[in-house]
Amino acid sequence: MSEFQFIVSDHPLKEVENPYGEFLSINEAIQKGFELPDILTDVEDLDRDEKILMNVESEEQLDEIEIKHSLYYAVENVEAYSSKPHVVELRWRYSDARAEQLVEYITDHLKTAEEVEIWKVWVDEQTEPKVQSIKLDELTIDALRFLGEVGFVRPECLRVTTS
């Protein structure tokens, strides 16, 4: 089982890219002098010009916020908890600085929407969620701290509304 974090809304949600990641092809990585595992260099039917490798300066930069329309896990894991039509996956490792970025993202989104839900669920295991509702002016990094807690008790949702 795996933890899955996502955001849903009645209005389209913007994607956020990791600002530190640079995608390289196998050929570009080799030209830059990177040592690649044989599994990448020995496979003949792999497109060596497709940008499939992410390069960052430090491992910590891999944990920056990414918000993506493409979901790693099946959409049924979203539909089990929400019927809102727009969904993005939240990929990150919690830190207070990143949580502040998420507060800014939600605040910006709520300029055009009335409500947003931030979910933390366990993949393929639907149980009764704990849902907390707050108004936008109450949104702080403390309200988002549940997203970074280790361990899983039950699904959690933070619903943030404009009024």
C-alpha atoms as a PDB file:
ATOM      1  CA  MET A   1       0.000   0.000   0.000  1.00  0.00           C
ATOM      2  CA  SER A   2       1.052   3.577  -0.669  1.00  0.00           C
ATOM      3  CA  GLU A   3       0.076   7.041   0.416  1.00  0.00           C
ATOM      4  CA  PHE A   4      -1.527   9.211  -2.248  1.00  0.00           C
ATOM      5  CA  GLN A   5      -2.031  12.969  -1.951  1.00  0.00           C
ATOM      6  CA  PHE A   6      -4.263  14.876  -4.311  1.00  0.00           C
ATOM      7  CA  ILE A   7      -6.190  18.124  -4.667  1.00  0.00           C
ATOM      8  CA  VAL A   8      -9.692  18.390  -6.130  1.00  0.00           C
ATOM      9  CA  SER A   9     -11.855  21.319  -7.166  1.00  0.00           C
ATOM     10  CA  ASP A  10     -14.852  22.314  -9.256  1.00  0.00           C
ATOM     11  CA  HIS A  11     -12.504  24.530 -11.296  1.00  0.00           C
ATOM     12  CA  PRO A  12      -9.390  23.524 -13.255  1.00  0.00           C
ATOM     13  CA  LEU A  13      -6.217  23.339 -11.179  1.00  0.00           C
ATOM     14  CA  LYS A  14      -2.842  24.542 -12.441  1.00  0.00           C
ATOM     15  CA  GLU A  15       0.162  22.280 -12.705  1.00  0.00           C
ATOM     16  CA  VAL A  16       3.384  23.110 -10.870  1.00  0.00           C
ATOM     17  CA  GLU A  17       6.741  21.812 -12.062  1.00  0.00           C
ATOM     18  CA  ASN A  18       9.749  21.123  -9.878  1.00  0.00           C
ATOM     19  CA  PRO A  19      11.813  24.260 -10.567  1.00  0.00           C
ATOM     20  CA  TYR A  20      15.103  22.446 -10.001  1.00  0.00           C
ATOM     21  CA  GLY A  21      14.615  19.457 -12.277  1.00  0.00           C
ATOM     22  CA  GLU A  22      16.071  19.265 -15.740  1.00  0.00           C
ATOM     23  CA  PHE A  23      14.993  16.390 -17.946  1.00  0.00           C
ATOM     24  CA  LEU A  24      17.651  14.767 -20.099  1.00  0.00           C
ATOM     25  CA  SER A  25      17.677  12.051 -22.707  1.00  0.00           C
ATOM     26  CA  ILE A  26      20.026   9.095 -22.357  1.00  0.00           C
ATOM     27  CA  ASN A  27      22.225  10.575 -25.083  1.00  0.00           C
ATOM     28  CA  GLU A  28      22.347  13.996 -23.378  1.00  0.00           C
ATOM     29  CA  ALA A  29      23.231  12.397 -20.038  1.00  0.00           C
ATOM     30  CA  ILE A  30      26.081  10.453 -21.627  1.00  0.00           C
ATOM     31  CA  GLN A  31      27.338  13.631 -23.366  1.00  0.00           C
ATOM     32  CA  LYS A  32      27.371  15.421 -19.993  1.00  0.00           C
ATOM     33  CA  GLY A  33      29.451  12.626 -18.507  1.00  0.00           C
ATOM     34  CA  PHE A  34      26.827  10.948 -16.289  1.00  0.00           C
ATOM     35  CA  GLU A  35      27.316   7.299 -15.454  1.00  0.00           C
ATOM     36  CA  LEU A  36      24.128   5.439 -16.293  1.00  0.00           C
ATOM     37  CA  PRO A  37      23.092   1.931 -15.251  1.00  0.00           C
ATOM     38  CA  ASP A  38      23.350  -0.793 -17.889  1.00  0.00           C
ATOM     39  CA  ILE A  39      19.575  -1.220 -17.866  1.00  0.00           C
ATOM     40  CA  LEU A  40      19.302   2.180 -19.574  1.00  0.00           C
ATOM     41  CA  THR A  41      22.195   1.881 -21.973  1.00  0.00           C
ATOM     42  CA  ASP A  42      21.761  -1.768 -23.017  1.00  0.00           C
ATOM     43  CA  VAL A  43      18.056  -1.751 -23.954  1.00  0.00           C
ATOM     44  CA  GLU A  44      17.823  -1.513 -27.741  1.00  0.00           C
ATOM     45  CA  ASP A  45      14.164  -0.510 -28.088  1.00  0.00           C
ATOM     46  CA  LEU A  46      14.458   2.441 -25.695  1.00  0.00           C
ATOM     47  CA  ASP A  47      14.331   5.860 -27.381  1.00  0.00           C
ATOM     48  CA  ARG A  48      17.705   7.290 -26.391  1.00  0.00           C
ATOM     49  CA  ASP A  49      16.586  10.818 -27.362  1.00  0.00           C
ATOM     50  CA  GLU A  50      13.445  10.864 -25.205  1.00  0.00           C
ATOM     51  CA  LYS A  51      13.859  13.071 -22.127  1.00  0.00           C
ATOM     52  CA  ILE A  52      13.181  10.520 -19.383  1.00  0.00           C
ATOM     53  CA  LEU A  53      15.923  11.232 -16.830  1.00  0.00           C
ATOM     54  CA  MET A  54      15.568  13.945 -14.213  1.00  0.00           C
ATOM     55  CA  ASN A  55      18.740  15.733 -13.163  1.00  0.00           C
ATOM     56  CA  VAL A  56      18.932  17.866 -10.006  1.00  0.00           C
ATOM     57  CA  GLU A  57      21.894  19.339  -8.151  1.00  0.00           C
ATOM     58  CA  SER A  58      20.991  17.704  -4.842  1.00  0.00           C
ATOM     59  CA  GLU A  59      18.733  14.883  -3.705  1.00  0.00           C
ATOM     60  CA  GLU A  60      16.781  17.353  -1.548  1.00  0.00           C
ATOM     61  CA  GLN A  61      15.600  19.092  -4.728  1.00  0.00           C
ATOM     62  CA  LEU A  62      13.750  15.932  -5.775  1.00  0.00           C
ATOM     63  CA  ASP A  63      11.313  16.598  -2.914  1.00  0.00           C
ATOM     64  CA  GLU A  64      10.116  20.004  -4.152  1.00  0.00           C
ATOM     65  CA  ILE A  65       6.404  20.470  -4.846  1.00  0.00           C
ATOM     66  CA  GLU A  66       5.083  19.103  -8.081  1.00  0.00           C
ATOM     67  CA  ILE A  67       1.396  19.276  -8.905  1.00  0.00           C
ATOM     68  CA  LYS A  68       0.399  17.149 -11.885  1.00  0.00           C
ATOM     69  CA  HIS A  69      -2.747  16.394 -13.865  1.00  0.00           C
ATOM     70  CA  SER A  70      -1.427  12.939 -14.696  1.00  0.00           C
ATOM     71  CA  LEU A  71      -2.036  10.630 -11.758  1.00  0.00           C
ATOM     72  CA  TYR A  72       0.384   7.883 -10.776  1.00  0.00           C
ATOM     73  CA  TYR A  73      -2.412   5.927  -9.077  1.00  0.00           C
ATOM     74  CA  ALA A  74      -5.793   4.962 -10.542  1.00  0.00           C
ATOM     75  CA  VAL A  75      -8.461   7.665 -10.593  1.00  0.00           C
ATOM     76  CA  GLU A  76     -10.717   5.306  -8.592  1.00  0.00           C
ATOM     77  CA  ASN A  77      -8.638   6.275  -5.555  1.00  0.00           C
ATOM     78  CA  VAL A  78      -9.887   9.842  -6.035  1.00  0.00           C
ATOM     79  CA  GLU A  79     -13.459   8.951  -6.962  1.00  0.00           C
ATOM     80  CA  ALA A  80     -13.817   6.928  -3.765  1.00  0.00           C
ATOM     81  CA  TYR A  81     -13.624  10.197  -1.816  1.00  0.00           C
ATOM     82  CA  SER A  82     -14.635  13.071  -4.079  1.00  0.00           C
ATOM     83  CA  SER A  83     -16.893  13.741  -7.038  1.00  0.00           C
ATOM     84  CA  LYS A  84     -15.206  17.021  -7.949  1.00  0.00           C
ATOM     85  CA  PRO A  85     -14.297  16.980 -11.646  1.00  0.00           C
ATOM     86  CA  HIS A  86     -10.796  18.479 -11.501  1.00  0.00           C
ATOM     87  CA  VAL A  87      -7.942  16.637  -9.831  1.00  0.00           C
ATOM     88  CA  VAL A  88      -4.190  16.990  -9.555  1.00  0.00           C
ATOM     89  CA  GLU A  89      -1.673  14.815  -7.764  1.00  0.00           C
ATOM     90  CA  LEU A  90       0.464  16.470  -5.104  1.00  0.00           C
ATOM     91  CA  ARG A  91       4.028  15.097  -5.184  1.00  0.00           C
ATOM     92  CA  TRP A  92       6.422  16.400  -2.547  1.00  0.00           C
ATOM     93  CA  ARG A  93       8.022  15.846   0.819  1.00  0.00           C
ATOM     94  CA  TYR A  94       6.548  18.056   3.504  1.00  0.00           C
ATOM     95  CA  SER A  95       8.570  20.962   4.873  1.00  0.00           C
ATOM     96  CA  ASP A  96       7.305  24.222   6.314  1.00  0.00           C
ATOM     97  CA  ALA A  97       8.729  26.154   3.353  1.00  0.00           C
ATOM     98  CA  ARG A  98       6.977  23.868   0.852  1.00  0.00           C
ATOM     99  CA  ALA A  99       3.768  24.012   2.888  1.00  0.00           C
ATOM    100  CA  GLU A 100       3.922  27.796   2.572  1.00  0.00           C
ATOM    101  CA  GLN A 101       4.170  27.361  -1.206  1.00  0.00           C
ATOM    102  CA  LEU A 102       1.080  25.138  -1.051  1.00  0.00           C
ATOM    103  CA  VAL A 103      -0.781  27.811   0.953  1.00  0.00           C
ATOM    104  CA  GLU A 104       0.067  30.286  -1.838  1.00  0.00           C
ATOM    105  CA  TYR A 105      -1.097  27.796  -4.499  1.00  0.00           C
ATOM    106  CA  ILE A 106      -4.436  27.240  -2.732  1.00  0.00           C
ATOM    107  CA  THR A 107      -4.909  30.973  -2.120  1.00  0.00           C
ATOM    108  CA  ASP A 108      -4.295  31.666  -5.803  1.00  0.00           C
ATOM    109  CA  HIS A 109      -6.699  28.905  -6.866  1.00  0.00           C
ATOM    110  CA  LEU A 110      -9.452  30.225  -4.612  1.00  0.00           C
ATOM    111  CA  LYS A 111      -9.431  33.512  -6.519  1.00  0.00           C
ATOM    112  CA  THR A 112     -11.464  31.675  -9.177  1.00  0.00           C
ATOM    113  CA  ALA A 113     -13.015  28.829  -7.182  1.00  0.00           C
ATOM    114  CA  GLU A 114     -15.124  28.665  -4.046  1.00  0.00           C
ATOM    115  CA  GLU A 115     -13.673  25.499  -2.557  1.00  0.00           C
ATOM    116  CA  VAL A 116     -10.711  23.151  -2.792  1.00  0.00           C
ATOM    117  CA  GLU A 117     -10.025  19.836  -1.060  1.00  0.00           C
ATOM    118  CA  ILE A 118      -6.583  18.507  -0.191  1.00  0.00           C
ATOM    119  CA  TRP A 119      -6.577  14.741   0.401  1.00  0.00           C
ATOM    120  CA  LYS A 120      -4.189  12.221   1.933  1.00  0.00           C
ATOM    121  CA  VAL A 121      -5.399   8.636   1.352  1.00  0.00           C
ATOM    122  CA  TRP A 122      -4.091   5.091   1.291  1.00  0.00           C
ATOM    123  CA  VAL A 123      -4.159   3.554  -2.207  1.00  0.00           C
ATOM    124  CA  ASP A 124      -6.819   0.875  -2.797  1.00  0.00           C
ATOM    125  CA  GLU A 125      -8.082   1.039   0.766  1.00  0.00           C
ATOM    126  CA  GLN A 126     -11.249   3.085   1.167  1.00  0.00           C
ATOM    127  CA  THR A 127     -12.301   3.832   4.751  1.00  0.00           C
ATOM    128  CA  GLU A 128     -14.255   6.625   6.408  1.00  0.00           C
ATOM    129  CA  PRO A 129     -12.210   9.828   6.087  1.00  0.00           C
ATOM    130  CA  LYS A 130     -11.603  12.555   8.618  1.00  0.00           C
ATOM    131  CA  VAL A 131     -12.711  15.789   6.935  1.00  0.00           C
ATOM    132  CA  GLN A 132     -11.918  19.213   8.339  1.00  0.00           C
ATOM    133  CA  SER A 133     -13.345  22.404   6.824  1.00  0.00           C
ATOM    134  CA  ILE A 134     -11.782  25.827   7.203  1.00  0.00           C
ATOM    135  CA  LYS A 135     -12.099  29.216   5.586  1.00  0.00           C
ATOM    136  CA  LEU A 136      -9.269  30.576   3.456  1.00  0.00           C
ATOM    137  CA  ASP A 137      -8.334  33.182   6.058  1.00  0.00           C
ATOM    138  CA  GLU A 138      -7.688  30.310   8.516  1.00  0.00           C
ATOM    139  CA  LEU A 139      -5.336  28.470   6.155  1.00  0.00           C
ATOM    140  CA  THR A 140      -1.806  28.176   7.560  1.00  0.00           C
ATOM    141  CA  ILE A 141       1.008  25.684   7.249  1.00  0.00           C
ATOM    142  CA  ASP A 142      -0.235  24.176  10.522  1.00  0.00           C
ATOM    143  CA  ALA A 143      -3.504  23.236   8.804  1.00  0.00           C
ATOM    144  CA  LEU A 144      -1.468  21.363   6.166  1.00  0.00           C
ATOM    145  CA  ARG A 145       0.848  19.621   8.610  1.00  0.00           C
ATOM    146  CA  PHE A 146      -1.199  16.381   8.409  1.00  0.00           C
ATOM    147  CA  LEU A 147       0.197  15.938   4.888  1.00  0.00           C
ATOM    148  CA  GLY A 148       3.689  15.455   6.291  1.00  0.00           C
ATOM    149  CA  GLU A 149       2.892  13.215   9.239  1.00  0.00           C
ATOM    150  CA  VAL A 150       4.493   9.791   9.174  1.00  0.00           C
ATOM    151  CA  GLY A 151       2.158   6.846   9.528  1.00  0.00           C
ATOM    152  CA  PHE A 152      -1.379   6.440   8.361  1.00  0.00           C
ATOM    153  CA  VAL A 153      -4.470   6.105  10.520  1.00  0.00           C
ATOM    154  CA  ARG A 154      -7.260   6.918   8.078  1.00  0.00           C
ATOM    155  CA  PRO A 155      -7.883   9.113   5.036  1.00  0.00           C
ATOM    156  CA  GLU A 156      -7.805  12.833   5.760  1.00  0.00           C
ATOM    157  CA  CYS A 157      -9.136  15.839   3.888  1.00  0.00           C
ATOM    158  CA  LEU A 158      -8.780  19.534   4.418  1.00  0.00           C
ATOM    159  CA  ARG A 159     -11.597  21.450   2.723  1.00  0.00           C
ATOM    160  CA  VAL A 160     -10.783  25.129   2.238  1.00  0.00           C
ATOM    161  CA  THR A 161     -13.564  27.540   1.272  1.00  0.00           C
ATOM    162  CA  THR A 162     -13.674  31.219   0.405  1.00  0.00           C
ATOM    163  CA  SER A 163     -16.575  31.892   2.770  1.00  0.00           C
END
